[in-house]
Amino acid sequence: MGIHLDNFSDTGMAGGGGGSTFSEMGTGTQVLVGFRVFTGKWVDKIVPIFSEIAVPGWGGRDFPSPGFGGQGGNPQDILPPGNDYAVVQLSIRSDWYVDGGSVTWRKFVGGVPGADFQTMTFGGTGGRWTSALQLQDGWIAVGIYGRAGAFLDAIGLKGARPVVS
């Protein structure tokens, strides 16, 4: 018995209109488990953190890229409460840039969704709550996309449905 990902789809993006486009997904059956963000007044930079869902007790961390955005800000790791959790929603505060937000994880054991867990907010204090980027029920985040320049301008989630085979 194994797990594979099926029916890929994107949420909309939240944030401002500037920056250059970016997109990053995990490889194979890697899913999005968190972020390393660099923040000041806004989110300067975001680095996706992936883990392999097909491994029991998964929770290992993989940083496949240097991230998206500028060089400033203080680092903060946004990580789940334990193994077997994946990102299912981002709530975003924004105006011109992504100011901050919060992450909702769902526990997936053997590809079966469990309870939700929401972390504290991250980032600056500006902007207004503009969007909840939520995947379809039972889906899991497998990547991010958006626009960035000196700051994170906009962000969205890439999702897929985990299937037990």
Foldseek 3Di string as FASTA:
>chain_A
DWKFWADKDWFDKDFADDFDKDKDFDPTQKFFFWWKFFADQATQWIFTWIWHLGDAQIDDTDGPDPTFGADHGDIDIDGDPGTQKFWFKWWFFYDQATQKTKTKIWGAGLLRTDDIDIDDIDGRDDGGRDDIQGDDPQKGFGIKMAGYYSHHGMIITMITHMDRD
